[in-house]
């Protein structure tokens, strides 16, 4: 696409398209295989874009498809500006963008800026010696006098975050796999090179980025040790409980104040294109606070998400209130992007052991919260976590911590399109991960023909959100609970909507606020007044009302 035309086209659109948007995450390896090699690809996405548009979402987010040795399935990039042949070509990516835009969908791509593959030419050169042009592009450090690593930093994938390199006789930092060395953001040339990567994709017509591990970009220049974290403050939101990563308070290996300077530069690059970004904040103790810092004002990132609703335990009414009150306290000037599932966590239908009614309630809830929303492929089908046998595992994380932690393959199995077709219509050949037998009966084809299927509930909930600007853009008043019911109002101009959710199997009742209200949301199972005039909420039922 012509550069000037790309800028002109995108700046002509609403720059605030992202505010309140519903974003559909695609894990390309598992979405649709178009060439029969058992791996999903970009032309497979093109084939399925009309289905995605039929959901009523605003944008797609595509997980990495760049050149990569695939040690971490694309999150180890060896060329930021080309497509890995297993996914297709740059021309195929252009087809994704053009088709999506014709269908009214924005396109966001997953940029992994904190680290590269050890096969990236930048690292290949950097590790040659201590004097080459890219010697300082990665985080290198001499050992302590006794030969041990420079500090106590740990890798999310287990063990020390430092790896010895015999060529330079130094350690390099890797917050993830050994094959994923961390870039040195204290080197201005590194920042410039990464900003050029963003420009490359903006010129090809993308509408924004999902920024992987956004709070990991900058490390403490002094390489100070992280302090120990008391057991009572540990949680497994970011890493499984069996991982010693949870034993530290990560004050110095991430979350550095200098990161804000780079984010401002990135926002300046995106601004002429009307592009937006959503950052992944990986921090078990300060996630919401960092989200607030990174989205404050109008010169940083538009959106970020933390892991509060990606956690293991099902959110109770009290927990939902606690999270939203914390957002008000530390991120009132920012903008959250909420998700219950993604490619890194167990699917929430299984993680929270939800009944179909509970799944519908949580879908309605997330569509009524202040912020934007990400939904993960197959979530709209109510897919449970797949049980992947050890011999079929691909994820190095699961292989490392098996059997206490089975990794991320269970949420990454192929999308199920057809019930009675080989591999559920995903591929004509053996898929890279097996299709879960329990998924077949939940296929898109079977649900399209079933009016009461959860797929249609997602469409109705997304449409309800879109049809009520107060839900997309409005303010959220003080959130409250009554027993297991969480309730609040959303307001924008003259539109005020009362929202209540029974977050349990126990029937309850709720009073509407003072004033004249019209009950709405019948398509979402919203409660109606009984003969005595009270509103009774059955298990997992919602109540939605519009102020007259």
Protein backbone atom coordinates (compact mmCIF):
# COMPACT_ATOMS: atom_id res chain seq x y z
CA UNK A 1 0.00 0.00 0.00
CA UNK A 2 1.26 3.51 -0.86
CA UNK A 3 2.67 5.16 2.28
CA UNK A 4 0.90 8.50 1.80
CA UNK A 5 -2.36 6.70 1.00
CA UNK A 6 -2.01 4.55 4.13
CA UNK A 7 -1.67 7.63 6.35
CA UNK A 8 -4.45 9.50 4.55
CA UNK A 9 -6.82 6.53 4.73
CA UNK A 10 -6.27 5.79 8.41
CA UNK A 11 -6.25 9.38 9.69
CA UNK A 12 -9.60 9.89 7.97
CA UNK A 13 -11.13 7.35 10.35
CA UNK A 14 -12.09 7.88 13.96
CA UNK A 15 -8.88 7.93 15.99
CA UNK A 16 -10.84 6.77 19.01
CA UNK A 17 -12.09 3.60 17.28
CA UNK A 18 -10.32 1.55 19.96
CA UNK A 19 -12.23 3.04 22.90
CA UNK A 20 -14.79 0.43 23.91
CA UNK A 21 -13.89 -1.80 20.96
CA UNK A 22 -14.31 -5.57 20.98
CA UNK A 23 -11.14 -7.22 19.66
CA UNK A 24 -11.08 -10.84 18.46
CA UNK A 25 -7.76 -12.61 19.05
CA UNK A 26 -6.57 -15.05 16.38
CA UNK A 27 -3.85 -17.60 17.16
CA UNK A 28 -2.87 -18.20 13.52
CA UNK A 29 -1.33 -21.65 13.91
CA UNK A 30 -4.69 -22.96 15.07
CA UNK A 31 -7.32 -20.95 13.21
CA UNK A 32 -7.57 -22.29 9.64
CA UNK A 33 -5.13 -24.25 7.48
CA UNK A 34 -5.49 -23.27 3.82
CA UNK A 35 -2.72 -25.39 2.28
CA UNK A 36 -3.03 -28.76 4.01
CA UNK A 37 0.17 -28.76 6.09
CA UNK A 38 -1.61 -29.04 9.45
CA UNK A 39 -0.75 -25.46 10.48
CA UNK A 40 -3.05 -22.48 10.26
CA UNK A 41 -1.96 -19.61 8.04
CA UNK A 42 -2.78 -16.11 6.82
CA UNK A 43 -4.90 -17.21 3.85
CA UNK A 44 -6.84 -19.37 6.28
CA UNK A 45 -7.60 -16.20 8.23
CA UNK A 46 -8.74 -14.51 5.01
CA UNK A 47 -11.12 -17.44 4.44
CA UNK A 48 -12.68 -17.01 7.89
CA UNK A 49 -12.85 -13.22 8.14
CA UNK A 50 -16.54 -13.11 7.10
CA UNK A 51 -17.32 -15.32 10.10
CA UNK A 52 -15.40 -12.99 12.41
CA UNK A 53 -17.21 -9.98 10.98
CA UNK A 54 -20.52 -11.77 11.62
CA UNK A 55 -19.76 -11.68 15.34
CA UNK A 56 -19.97 -7.90 15.30
CA UNK A 57 -16.46 -7.29 16.64
CA UNK A 58 -14.50 -4.16 15.79
CA UNK A 59 -11.00 -5.53 15.26
CA UNK A 60 -8.82 -8.60 15.05
CA UNK A 61 -5.53 -9.16 16.86
CA UNK A 62 -3.27 -11.68 15.15
CA UNK A 63 -0.64 -13.41 17.28
CA UNK A 64 2.89 -13.45 15.75
CA UNK A 65 3.35 -14.68 12.19
CA UNK A 66 6.87 -13.26 11.66
CA UNK A 67 9.98 -15.20 10.68
CA UNK A 68 10.90 -17.39 13.64
CA UNK A 69 12.58 -20.69 14.58
CA UNK A 70 9.33 -21.28 16.55
CA UNK A 71 10.98 -22.23 19.84
CA UNK A 72 8.17 -20.21 21.46
CA UNK A 73 5.79 -20.37 18.50
CA UNK A 74 6.50 -16.99 16.98
CA UNK A 75 7.21 -15.06 20.15
CA UNK A 76 10.88 -15.56 19.26
CA UNK A 77 11.27 -13.34 16.19
CA UNK A 78 14.18 -13.70 13.78
CA UNK A 79 12.91 -11.10 11.27
CA UNK A 80 10.37 -8.48 12.31
CA UNK A 81 9.55 -7.40 8.77
CA UNK A 82 8.75 -10.66 7.01
CA UNK A 83 6.22 -13.47 7.26
CA UNK A 84 7.34 -16.95 8.21
CA UNK A 85 6.73 -19.27 5.22
CA UNK A 86 4.58 -21.57 7.38
CA UNK A 87 2.06 -18.71 7.58
CA UNK A 88 2.42 -17.49 4.00
CA UNK A 89 3.88 -14.29 2.57
CA UNK A 90 3.70 -10.53 2.83
CA UNK A 91 1.23 -10.62 -0.06
CA UNK A 92 -0.95 -12.95 2.01
CA UNK A 93 -0.78 -10.51 4.91
CA UNK A 94 -1.83 -7.70 2.58
CA UNK A 95 -4.82 -9.85 1.64
CA UNK A 96 -5.72 -10.15 5.33
CA UNK A 97 -5.61 -6.35 5.76
CA UNK A 98 -7.53 -5.60 2.57
CA UNK A 99 -10.23 -8.19 3.28
CA UNK A 100 -10.59 -7.16 6.91
CA UNK A 101 -10.94 -3.51 5.99
CA UNK A 102 -13.59 -4.29 3.37
CA UNK A 103 -15.52 -6.10 6.10
CA UNK A 104 -15.20 -3.16 8.48
CA UNK A 105 -12.60 -4.79 10.74
CA UNK A 106 -9.46 -3.13 12.09
CA UNK A 107 -6.27 -5.19 12.09
CA UNK A 108 -3.90 -5.31 15.07
CA UNK A 109 -0.72 -7.38 15.05
CA UNK A 110 1.31 -8.77 17.94
CA UNK A 111 4.66 -6.99 18.28
CA UNK A 112 7.25 -8.71 20.48
CA UNK A 113 9.69 -5.91 21.21
CA UNK A 114 11.27 -6.93 24.51
CA UNK A 115 13.32 -9.77 23.05
CA UNK A 116 14.19 -11.54 19.81
CA UNK A 117 15.20 -15.03 18.80
CA UNK A 118 18.86 -15.90 19.27
CA UNK A 119 18.78 -16.49 15.49
CA UNK A 120 17.92 -12.87 14.74
CA UNK A 121 20.80 -11.27 12.78
CA UNK A 122 21.04 -8.58 15.45
CA UNK A 123 21.91 -11.14 18.14
CA UNK A 124 24.10 -13.22 15.83
CA UNK A 125 26.24 -10.13 15.37
CA UNK A 126 26.00 -8.92 18.95
CA UNK A 127 27.42 -12.14 20.39
CA UNK A 128 30.47 -12.17 18.10
CA UNK A 129 32.57 -9.90 20.33
CA UNK A 130 32.36 -6.88 22.60
CA UNK A 131 33.26 -4.26 19.98
CA UNK A 132 30.99 -4.83 16.97
CA UNK A 133 28.31 -2.35 15.87
CA UNK A 134 25.57 -4.23 17.74
CA UNK A 135 27.60 -5.30 20.75
CA UNK A 136 25.37 -3.23 23.04
CA UNK A 137 22.02 -4.15 21.43
CA UNK A 138 21.35 -6.89 24.00
CA UNK A 139 21.77 -7.02 27.77
CA UNK A 140 25.27 -8.35 28.41
CA UNK A 141 27.09 -8.44 31.74
CA UNK A 142 30.32 -9.74 33.17
CA UNK A 143 30.04 -12.50 35.76
CA UNK A 144 30.57 -11.95 39.43
CA UNK A 145 34.13 -12.66 40.58
CA UNK A 146 33.13 -16.25 41.38
CA UNK A 147 31.80 -16.76 37.84
CA UNK A 148 28.12 -16.77 38.78
CA UNK A 149 25.47 -14.62 37.05
CA UNK A 150 25.48 -10.87 37.72
CA UNK A 151 22.35 -10.96 39.87
CA UNK A 152 19.45 -13.12 41.05
CA UNK A 153 16.95 -12.40 38.26
CA UNK A 154 14.84 -15.38 37.20
CA UNK A 155 13.29 -16.44 33.91
CA UNK A 156 9.54 -16.89 33.62
CA UNK A 157 10.28 -20.25 31.97
CA UNK A 158 12.28 -21.43 34.99
CA UNK A 159 15.81 -21.01 36.34
CA UNK A 160 18.21 -18.10 36.04
CA UNK A 161 17.45 -15.30 33.59
CA UNK A 162 21.12 -15.26 32.62
CA UNK A 163 22.92 -17.51 30.11
CA UNK A 164 26.69 -17.76 29.73
CA UNK A 165 28.14 -17.10 26.28
CA UNK A 166 31.65 -18.41 25.73
CA UNK A 167 32.41 -16.11 22.78
CA UNK A 168 32.06 -12.89 24.75
CA UNK A 169 32.77 -14.51 28.11
CA UNK A 170 29.72 -12.72 29.44
CA UNK A 171 26.18 -13.50 30.44
CA UNK A 172 23.17 -12.33 28.42
CA UNK A 173 19.72 -11.69 29.84
CA UNK A 174 16.67 -13.74 28.83
CA UNK A 175 13.44 -13.16 30.72
CA UNK A 176 11.90 -16.07 28.83
CA UNK A 177 13.59 -18.97 26.99
CA UNK A 178 17.38 -19.09 26.69
CA UNK A 179 16.78 -18.72 22.95
CA UNK A 180 14.98 -15.38 23.56
CA UNK A 181 17.69 -12.84 24.50
CA UNK A 182 16.44 -9.49 25.79
CA UNK A 183 17.06 -6.34 23.78
CA UNK A 184 18.85 -3.46 25.51
CA UNK A 185 16.45 -0.50 25.52
CA UNK A 186 19.15 1.67 27.10
CA UNK A 187 20.77 1.67 23.63
CA UNK A 188 19.13 4.42 21.49
CA UNK A 189 19.82 2.50 18.27
CA UNK A 190 17.69 -0.38 19.55
CA UNK A 191 14.74 1.91 20.18
CA UNK A 192 15.13 3.48 16.73
CA UNK A 193 15.24 0.07 15.04
CA UNK A 194 12.07 -1.06 16.83
CA UNK A 195 10.25 2.14 15.95
CA UNK A 196 11.17 1.44 12.33
CA UNK A 197 9.53 -1.99 12.72
CA UNK A 198 6.32 -0.31 13.82
CA UNK A 199 6.50 2.07 10.85
CA UNK A 200 6.97 -0.85 8.45
CA UNK A 201 3.69 -2.46 9.49
CA UNK A 202 1.79 0.82 9.75
CA UNK A 203 2.77 1.54 6.16
CA UNK A 204 1.29 -1.85 5.21
CA UNK A 205 -2.05 -0.73 6.61
CA UNK A 206 -2.27 -2.18 10.11
CA UNK A 207 -4.49 -0.30 12.53
CA UNK A 208 -2.54 -1.02 15.69
CA UNK A 209 -0.54 -3.38 17.83
CA UNK A 210 -0.86 -5.74 20.71
CA UNK A 211 2.39 -5.23 22.60
CA UNK A 212 3.72 -8.39 24.18
CA UNK A 213 5.18 -8.06 27.70
CA UNK A 214 5.09 -4.27 27.48
CA UNK A 215 6.50 -3.78 31.00
CA UNK A 216 9.58 -5.94 30.30
CA UNK A 217 11.21 -3.59 27.78
CA UNK A 218 13.60 -1.76 30.10
CA UNK A 219 15.77 -3.29 32.81
CA UNK A 220 17.54 -1.66 35.74
CA UNK A 221 20.83 -0.31 34.43
CA UNK A 222 22.55 -1.11 37.72
CA UNK A 223 21.40 -4.76 37.58
CA UNK A 224 20.32 -4.71 41.22
CA UNK A 225 19.02 -7.92 42.82
CA UNK A 226 15.27 -8.33 43.15
CA UNK A 227 14.14 -8.63 46.78
CA UNK A 228 12.42 -11.76 48.03
CA UNK A 229 8.62 -11.75 48.00
CA UNK A 230 6.95 -12.97 51.21
CA UNK A 231 4.89 -16.14 50.67
CA UNK A 232 1.65 -14.37 51.59
CA UNK A 233 2.10 -11.92 48.68
CA UNK A 234 2.78 -14.55 46.03
CA UNK A 235 0.19 -15.43 43.40
CA UNK A 236 0.20 -17.44 40.19
CA UNK A 237 -1.34 -14.83 37.88
CA UNK A 238 1.81 -14.56 35.77
CA UNK A 239 3.65 -17.84 36.35
CA UNK A 240 2.43 -21.19 37.73
CA UNK A 241 2.79 -21.69 41.46
CA UNK A 242 5.53 -24.30 40.93
CA UNK A 243 7.74 -21.66 39.30
CA UNK A 244 10.29 -19.93 41.59
CA UNK A 245 9.68 -16.73 39.56
CA UNK A 246 6.87 -16.12 42.05
CA UNK A 247 9.37 -15.92 44.92
CA UNK A 248 10.71 -12.50 43.90
CA UNK A 249 9.35 -8.97 43.87
CA UNK A 250 10.27 -7.90 40.36
CA UNK A 251 11.45 -4.38 41.08
CA UNK A 252 14.46 -4.29 38.77
CA UNK A 253 14.14 -6.78 35.92
CA UNK A 254 11.06 -4.94 34.54
CA UNK A 255 8.67 -2.03 35.30
CA UNK A 256 11.37 0.63 34.95
CA UNK A 257 10.36 4.32 34.69
CA UNK A 258 12.45 4.81 31.52
CA UNK A 259 9.93 2.63 29.71
CA UNK A 260 7.53 5.57 29.57
CA UNK A 261 9.94 7.49 27.35
CA UNK A 262 9.96 4.73 24.76
CA UNK A 263 6.16 4.37 24.87
CA UNK A 264 5.82 8.09 24.12
CA UNK A 265 8.06 7.66 21.08
CA UNK A 266 5.99 4.70 19.90
CA UNK A 267 2.74 6.64 20.36
CA UNK A 268 4.19 9.49 18.28
CA UNK A 269 4.94 7.01 15.49
CA UNK A 270 1.40 5.60 15.59
CA UNK A 271 -0.42 8.92 15.87
CA UNK A 272 -0.32 10.02 12.20
CA UNK A 273 -1.89 6.70 11.21
CA UNK A 274 -4.72 6.78 13.73
CA UNK A 275 -3.34 3.53 15.08
CA UNK A 276 -3.87 2.18 18.60
CA UNK A 277 -2.06 -0.24 20.89
CA UNK A 278 -3.01 -2.56 23.70
CA UNK A 279 -0.18 -3.56 26.02
CA UNK A 280 0.13 -6.79 27.95
CA UNK A 281 1.18 -5.94 31.52
CA UNK A 282 2.77 -8.98 33.13
CA UNK A 283 3.06 -8.30 36.84
CA UNK A 284 1.42 -10.25 39.64
CA UNK A 285 1.53 -7.51 42.26
CA UNK A 286 1.32 -4.16 40.41
CA UNK A 287 -0.43 -4.98 37.14
CA UNK A 288 -3.31 -2.51 37.47
CA UNK A 289 -1.03 0.26 38.73
CA UNK A 290 1.28 -0.18 35.73
CA UNK A 291 -1.73 -0.31 33.41
CA UNK A 292 -2.73 3.08 34.80
CA UNK A 293 0.75 4.51 34.29
CA UNK A 294 1.06 3.28 30.72
CA UNK A 295 -2.36 4.54 29.56
CA UNK A 296 -2.54 7.89 31.37
CA UNK A 297 -3.03 11.03 29.30
CA UNK A 298 -2.91 11.11 25.51
CA UNK A 299 0.77 10.50 24.73
CA UNK A 300 1.25 6.91 25.96
CA UNK A 301 -0.56 3.70 25.07
CA UNK A 302 -4.30 3.75 24.45
CA UNK A 303 -5.05 0.50 26.31
CA UNK A 304 -3.41 -2.10 28.51
CA UNK A 305 -4.58 -5.27 30.16
CA UNK A 306 -3.42 -6.86 33.36
CA UNK A 307 -4.10 -10.42 34.54
CA UNK A 308 -6.77 -9.87 37.20
CA UNK A 309 -9.51 -11.58 35.14
CA UNK A 310 -7.08 -14.07 33.59
CA UNK A 311 -6.38 -15.50 37.05
CA UNK A 312 -7.13 -19.03 38.21
CA UNK A 313 -10.05 -18.34 40.56
CA UNK A 314 -13.50 -17.43 39.29
CA UNK A 315 -14.25 -13.78 40.08
CA UNK A 316 -16.79 -13.41 42.85
CA UNK A 317 -18.94 -10.30 43.15
CA UNK A 318 -16.58 -9.02 45.84
CA UNK A 319 -13.52 -9.68 43.66
CA UNK A 320 -15.03 -7.87 40.68
CA UNK A 321 -15.75 -4.86 42.87
CA UNK A 322 -12.24 -4.98 44.31
CA UNK A 323 -10.64 -4.99 40.85
CA UNK A 324 -12.79 -2.16 39.51
CA UNK A 325 -12.23 -0.06 42.66
CA UNK A 326 -8.49 -0.56 42.27
CA UNK A 327 -8.77 0.58 38.64
CA UNK A 328 -10.54 3.72 39.86
CA UNK A 329 -7.77 4.29 42.38
CA UNK A 330 -4.68 3.73 40.22
CA UNK A 331 -5.90 4.04 36.62
CA UNK A 332 -8.76 6.54 36.60
CA UNK A 333 -7.07 8.44 33.76
CA UNK A 334 -6.29 5.27 31.80
CA UNK A 335 -8.15 2.69 29.79
CA UNK A 336 -8.34 -1.04 30.49
CA UNK A 337 -8.81 -3.83 28.01
CA UNK A 338 -10.54 -6.79 29.67
CA UNK A 339 -10.18 -10.46 28.78
CA UNK A 340 -11.14 -13.75 30.40
CA UNK A 341 -9.15 -16.01 28.04
CA UNK A 342 -6.18 -15.81 25.71
CA UNK A 343 -3.42 -18.01 24.25
CA UNK A 344 -1.44 -18.07 27.51
CA UNK A 345 -4.00 -19.27 30.07
CA UNK A 346 -6.43 -22.12 30.51
CA UNK A 347 -9.73 -21.36 28.81
CA UNK A 348 -12.01 -19.69 31.33
CA UNK A 349 -14.89 -22.12 30.77
CA UNK A 350 -12.63 -24.76 32.38
CA UNK A 351 -10.49 -22.52 34.56
CA UNK A 352 -13.57 -21.37 36.44
CA UNK A 353 -15.58 -24.58 35.87
CA UNK A 354 -18.47 -22.62 34.39
CA UNK A 355 -21.89 -23.92 33.49
CA UNK A 356 -23.36 -22.70 30.17
CA UNK A 357 -25.52 -20.22 32.10
CA UNK A 358 -22.46 -18.88 33.93
CA UNK A 359 -20.56 -18.52 30.65
CA UNK A 360 -23.38 -16.39 29.26
CA UNK A 361 -23.50 -14.22 32.37
CA UNK A 362 -19.76 -13.53 32.27
CA UNK A 363 -20.01 -12.70 28.57
CA UNK A 364 -22.74 -10.16 29.30
CA UNK A 365 -20.70 -8.77 32.21
CA UNK A 366 -17.50 -8.15 30.23
CA UNK A 367 -19.51 -6.38 27.53
CA UNK A 368 -20.85 -3.97 30.17
CA UNK A 369 -17.57 -3.08 31.90
CA UNK A 370 -15.80 0.20 31.27
CA UNK A 371 -12.92 -0.46 28.92
CA UNK A 372 -12.31 -2.37 25.73
CA UNK A 373 -12.68 -6.15 25.41
CA UNK A 374 -10.58 -8.97 23.95
CA UNK A 375 -12.19 -12.31 23.18
CA UNK A 376 -10.09 -15.32 22.22
CA UNK A 377 -10.86 -17.58 19.28
CA UNK A 378 -13.21 -20.40 20.31
CA UNK A 379 -14.32 -18.55 23.42
CA UNK A 380 -17.48 -17.63 21.54
CA UNK A 381 -18.14 -21.37 21.15
CA UNK A 382 -17.78 -22.02 24.88
CA UNK A 383 -14.79 -24.29 24.26
CA UNK A 384 -13.36 -25.95 27.38
CA UNK A 385 -9.64 -26.48 27.84
CA UNK A 386 -8.41 -29.39 25.73
CA UNK A 387 -6.66 -32.27 27.48
CA UNK A 388 -3.42 -32.68 25.52
CA UNK A 389 -1.41 -35.83 26.20
CA UNK A 390 2.23 -35.39 27.22
CA UNK A 391 3.44 -37.02 23.99
CA UNK A 392 1.49 -34.42 21.98
CA UNK A 393 2.75 -31.36 23.91
CA UNK A 394 4.50 -28.66 21.91
CA UNK A 395 4.78 -25.88 24.51
CA UNK A 396 8.24 -25.77 26.17
CA UNK A 397 6.62 -24.22 29.25
CA UNK A 398 4.38 -27.24 29.77
CA UNK A 399 7.13 -29.73 29.03
CA UNK A 400 9.37 -28.03 31.64
CA UNK A 401 6.82 -28.06 34.48
CA UNK A 402 4.79 -31.20 33.64
CA UNK A 403 2.70 -32.63 35.26
CA UNK A 404 2.06 -29.93 37.89
CA UNK A 405 1.62 -27.41 35.06
CA UNK A 406 0.59 -28.67 31.64
CA UNK A 407 1.48 -25.54 29.74
CA UNK A 408 -0.51 -23.58 27.19
CA UNK A 409 -1.27 -26.15 24.51
CA UNK A 410 -4.71 -26.91 25.94
CA UNK A 411 -5.98 -23.47 24.91
CA UNK A 412 -4.18 -23.51 21.56
CA UNK A 413 -5.73 -26.55 19.90
CA UNK A 414 -7.35 -26.03 16.47
CA UNK A 415 -10.55 -24.06 15.98
CA UNK A 416 -13.53 -26.34 15.35
CA UNK A 417 -15.50 -25.35 12.28
CA UNK A 418 -17.41 -28.51 11.39
CA UNK A 419 -18.75 -31.40 13.46
CA UNK A 420 -18.62 -34.23 10.92
CA UNK A 421 -15.48 -33.34 9.01
CA UNK A 422 -11.90 -34.54 9.36
CA UNK A 423 -10.08 -32.45 11.96
CA UNK A 424 -13.24 -30.35 12.43
CA UNK A 425 -12.65 -28.56 9.14
CA UNK A 426 -9.39 -27.03 10.35
CA UNK A 427 -7.07 -29.01 8.07
CA UNK A 428 -7.09 -31.95 5.69
CA UNK A 429 -3.89 -33.23 7.32
CA UNK A 430 -2.81 -34.06 10.87
CA UNK A 431 -2.88 -30.77 12.82
CA UNK A 432 0.13 -29.51 14.72
CA UNK A 433 -1.92 -30.08 17.90
CA UNK A 434 -4.76 -32.62 17.99
CA UNK A 435 -8.34 -31.44 17.74
CA UNK A 436 -9.96 -32.08 21.12
CA UNK A 437 -12.66 -34.78 20.78
CA UNK A 438 -14.87 -32.88 23.23
CA UNK A 439 -14.80 -29.82 20.93
CA UNK A 440 -16.42 -31.36 17.84
CA UNK A 441 -20.01 -30.99 19.04
CA UNK A 442 -19.33 -27.31 19.77
CA UNK A 443 -18.28 -26.49 16.20
CA UNK A 444 -19.31 -23.30 14.44
CA UNK A 445 -21.50 -25.26 12.00
CA UNK A 446 -23.41 -27.03 14.77
CA UNK A 447 -23.95 -23.83 16.74
CA UNK A 448 -25.04 -21.77 13.74
CA UNK A 449 -28.04 -24.11 13.42
CA UNK A 450 -28.89 -23.98 17.14
CA UNK A 451 -30.70 -20.75 18.12
CA UNK A 452 -29.88 -21.22 21.81
CA UNK A 453 -26.13 -21.80 21.29
CA UNK A 454 -23.63 -19.65 23.14
CA UNK A 455 -22.25 -18.41 19.79
CA UNK A 456 -25.48 -16.48 19.28
CA UNK A 457 -25.29 -15.14 22.83
CA UNK A 458 -21.89 -13.65 22.03
CA UNK A 459 -23.33 -11.99 18.93
CA UNK A 460 -26.24 -10.59 20.93
CA UNK A 461 -24.00 -9.34 23.76
CA UNK A 462 -21.60 -7.65 21.34
CA UNK A 463 -24.52 -6.07 19.45
CA UNK A 464 -26.08 -4.90 22.73
CA UNK A 465 -22.81 -3.20 23.67
CA UNK A 466 -22.47 -1.58 20.26
CA UNK A 467 -26.07 -0.33 20.29
CA UNK A 468 -25.58 1.43 23.63
CA UNK A 469 -22.84 4.09 23.52
CA UNK A 470 -22.86 4.35 27.32
CA UNK A 471 -21.47 0.79 27.46
CA UNK A 472 -18.72 1.49 24.94
CA UNK A 473 -17.59 4.94 26.00
CA UNK A 474 -19.43 5.97 29.16
CA UNK A 475 -18.38 6.34 32.76
CA UNK A 476 -18.97 3.65 35.37
CA UNK A 477 -20.30 4.83 38.73
CA UNK A 478 -19.30 3.34 42.07
CA UNK A 479 -19.61 -0.40 41.70
CA UNK A 480 -21.40 -2.23 44.53
CA UNK A 481 -22.44 -5.67 45.68
CA UNK A 482 -25.52 -7.10 47.31
CA UNK A 483 -24.62 -10.62 48.34
CA UNK A 484 -23.55 -12.38 45.14
CA UNK A 485 -24.92 -9.62 42.90
CA UNK A 486 -22.59 -6.99 41.49
CA UNK A 487 -24.21 -3.84 40.09
CA UNK A 488 -23.35 -0.42 38.68
CA UNK A 489 -24.55 2.14 36.16
CA UNK A 490 -22.92 3.29 32.94
CA UNK A 491 -23.61 6.80 31.69
CA UNK A 492 -22.87 8.84 28.60
CA UNK A 493 -24.77 12.06 28.06
CA UNK A 494 -28.46 11.38 28.57
CA UNK A 495 -28.05 7.60 28.30
CA UNK A 496 -27.87 5.86 31.69
CA UNK A 497 -27.90 2.06 31.94
CA UNK A 498 -28.26 0.05 35.14
CA UNK A 499 -26.38 -3.28 35.08
CA UNK A 500 -26.67 -6.07 37.65
CA UNK A 501 -25.18 -9.57 37.54
CA UNK A 502 -25.83 -12.54 39.78
CA UNK A 503 -22.37 -14.10 40.03
CA UNK A 504 -23.59 -17.33 41.62
CA UNK A 505 -26.03 -20.24 41.50
CA UNK A 506 -28.07 -18.76 44.35
CA UNK A 507 -31.21 -16.77 43.41
CA UNK A 508 -31.24 -13.18 44.60
CA UNK A 509 -33.12 -9.94 44.16
CA UNK A 510 -32.18 -6.39 43.33
CA UNK A 511 -33.74 -2.94 43.56
CA UNK A 512 -33.50 -0.50 40.73
CA UNK A 513 -32.10 2.91 41.65
CA UNK A 514 -34.57 5.74 42.19
CA UNK A 515 -36.16 7.08 39.04
CA UNK A 516 -37.99 5.79 36.00
CA UNK A 517 -36.39 2.75 34.38
CA UNK A 518 -37.24 0.60 31.36
CA UNK A 519 -36.00 -2.97 31.46
CA UNK A 520 -33.92 -3.87 28.40
CA UNK A 521 -31.68 -6.73 27.30
CA UNK A 522 -34.36 -9.41 26.98
CA UNK A 523 -32.16 -11.06 24.33
CA UNK A 524 -29.51 -11.53 27.04
CA UNK A 525 -31.95 -13.08 29.51
CA UNK A 526 -32.41 -9.87 31.50
CA UNK A 527 -34.72 -10.18 34.51
CA UNK A 528 -38.28 -8.89 34.48
CA UNK A 529 -40.29 -7.65 37.48
CA UNK A 530 -42.41 -10.21 39.30
CA UNK A 531 -46.04 -9.73 40.37
CA UNK A 532 -44.90 -8.00 43.56
CA UNK A 533 -42.88 -5.51 41.55
CA UNK A 534 -39.48 -6.76 42.71
CA UNK A 535 -36.67 -7.89 40.46
CA UNK A 536 -35.57 -11.44 41.16
CA UNK A 537 -32.34 -12.71 39.62
CA UNK A 538 -32.09 -16.42 39.04
CA UNK A 539 -28.75 -18.21 39.08
CA UNK A 540 -26.27 -16.41 36.79
CA UNK A 541 -28.98 -14.01 35.61
CA UNK A 542 -28.50 -10.37 34.60
CA UNK A 543 -30.68 -7.30 34.91
CA UNK A 544 -30.31 -4.40 32.47
CA UNK A 545 -32.38 -1.23 32.54
CA UNK A 546 -32.40 2.10 30.71
CA UNK A 547 -33.22 5.30 32.59
CA UNK A 548 -36.21 7.09 31.08
